[in-house]
Amino acid sequence: MYKGIEGKIYPNKAQQHLINQTFGHSRFVWNQMLAMLITRYDNNPDVKCLSYNA
């Protein structure tokens, strides 16, 4: 069963900037790791990723 809390936040300008900056950094890291995994697979498709061994 999934549980969650729903609510609204009203950040000021500085908080909005920090939220947007955090999302931008997260997106950058995600894209870098995805590119690294794709390159790794393209170079050697026979090697399995760590997620396959878990």
C-alpha atoms as a PDB file:
ATOM      1  CA  MET A   1       0.000   0.000   0.000  1.00  0.00           C
ATOM      2  CA  TYR A   2       1.309   3.437  -0.931  1.00  0.00           C
ATOM      3  CA  LYS A   3       0.835   6.368   1.371  1.00  0.00           C
ATOM      4  CA  GLY A   4       1.551   9.993   0.725  1.00  0.00           C
ATOM      5  CA  ILE A   5       0.939  13.473   1.935  1.00  0.00           C
ATOM      6  CA  GLU A   6      -0.445  16.154  -0.319  1.00  0.00           C
ATOM      7  CA  GLY A   7       0.102  19.791   0.383  1.00  0.00           C
ATOM      8  CA  LYS A   8       1.033  23.124  -1.106  1.00  0.00           C
ATOM      9  CA  ILE A   9       4.075  25.237  -0.521  1.00  0.00           C
ATOM     10  CA  TYR A  10       4.461  28.934  -1.136  1.00  0.00           C
ATOM     11  CA  PRO A  11       8.188  29.621  -1.486  1.00  0.00           C
ATOM     12  CA  ASN A  12       9.576  33.127  -1.722  1.00  0.00           C
ATOM     13  CA  LYS A  13      11.844  34.211  -4.609  1.00  0.00           C
ATOM     14  CA  ALA A  14      15.059  32.962  -2.971  1.00  0.00           C
ATOM     15  CA  GLN A  15      13.486  29.594  -2.182  1.00  0.00           C
ATOM     16  CA  GLN A  16      12.098  29.313  -5.728  1.00  0.00           C
ATOM     17  CA  HIS A  17      15.582  29.953  -7.089  1.00  0.00           C
ATOM     18  CA  LEU A  18      17.060  27.273  -4.810  1.00  0.00           C
ATOM     19  CA  ILE A  19      14.361  24.743  -5.776  1.00  0.00           C
ATOM     20  CA  ASN A  20      14.933  25.386  -9.490  1.00  0.00           C
ATOM     21  CA  GLN A  21      18.700  25.146  -9.010  1.00  0.00           C
ATOM     22  CA  THR A  22      18.348  21.832  -7.156  1.00  0.00           C
ATOM     23  CA  PHE A  23      16.136  20.355  -9.891  1.00  0.00           C
ATOM     24  CA  GLY A  24      18.595  21.550 -12.526  1.00  0.00           C
ATOM     25  CA  HIS A  25      21.521  19.899 -10.738  1.00  0.00           C
ATOM     26  CA  SER A  26      19.560  16.667 -10.313  1.00  0.00           C
ATOM     27  CA  ARG A  27      18.691  16.646 -14.007  1.00  0.00           C
ATOM     28  CA  PHE A  28      22.348  17.257 -14.927  1.00  0.00           C
ATOM     29  CA  VAL A  29      23.560  14.353 -12.759  1.00  0.00           C
ATOM     30  CA  TRP A  30      20.849  12.047 -14.133  1.00  0.00           C
ATOM     31  CA  ASN A  31      21.769  12.888 -17.734  1.00  0.00           C
ATOM     32  CA  GLN A  32      25.504  12.435 -17.080  1.00  0.00           C
ATOM     33  CA  MET A  33      24.974   9.015 -15.494  1.00  0.00           C
ATOM     34  CA  LEU A  34      22.616   7.962 -18.283  1.00  0.00           C
ATOM     35  CA  ALA A  35      25.157   8.990 -20.919  1.00  0.00           C
ATOM     36  CA  MET A  36      27.863   7.079 -19.058  1.00  0.00           C
ATOM     37  CA  LEU A  37      25.737   3.914 -18.934  1.00  0.00           C
ATOM     38  CA  ILE A  38      24.835   4.180 -22.617  1.00  0.00           C
ATOM     39  CA  THR A  39      28.491   4.662 -23.580  1.00  0.00           C
ATOM     40  CA  ARG A  40      29.525   1.741 -21.398  1.00  0.00           C
ATOM     41  CA  TYR A  41      26.919  -0.500 -23.011  1.00  0.00           C
ATOM     42  CA  ASP A  42      27.894   0.620 -26.519  1.00  0.00           C
ATOM     43  CA  ASN A  43      31.558  -0.181 -25.835  1.00  0.00           C
ATOM     44  CA  ASN A  44      30.910  -3.638 -24.354  1.00  0.00           C
ATOM     45  CA  PRO A  45      27.306  -4.925 -24.428  1.00  0.00           C
ATOM     46  CA  ASP A  46      28.284  -8.287 -22.897  1.00  0.00           C
ATOM     47  CA  VAL A  47      29.206  -6.764 -19.523  1.00  0.00           C
ATOM     48  CA  LYS A  48      26.194  -6.604 -17.262  1.00  0.00           C
ATOM     49  CA  CYS A  49      25.358  -3.570 -15.157  1.00  0.00           C
ATOM     50  CA  LEU A  50      25.440  -3.665 -11.386  1.00  0.00           C
ATOM     51  CA  SER A  51      21.636  -3.623 -11.251  1.00  0.00           C
ATOM     52  CA  TYR A  52      21.503  -7.040 -12.919  1.00  0.00           C
ATOM     53  CA  ASN A  53      23.574  -8.595 -10.125  1.00  0.00           C
ATOM     54  CA  ALA A  54      21.545  -7.212  -7.226  1.00  0.00           C
END
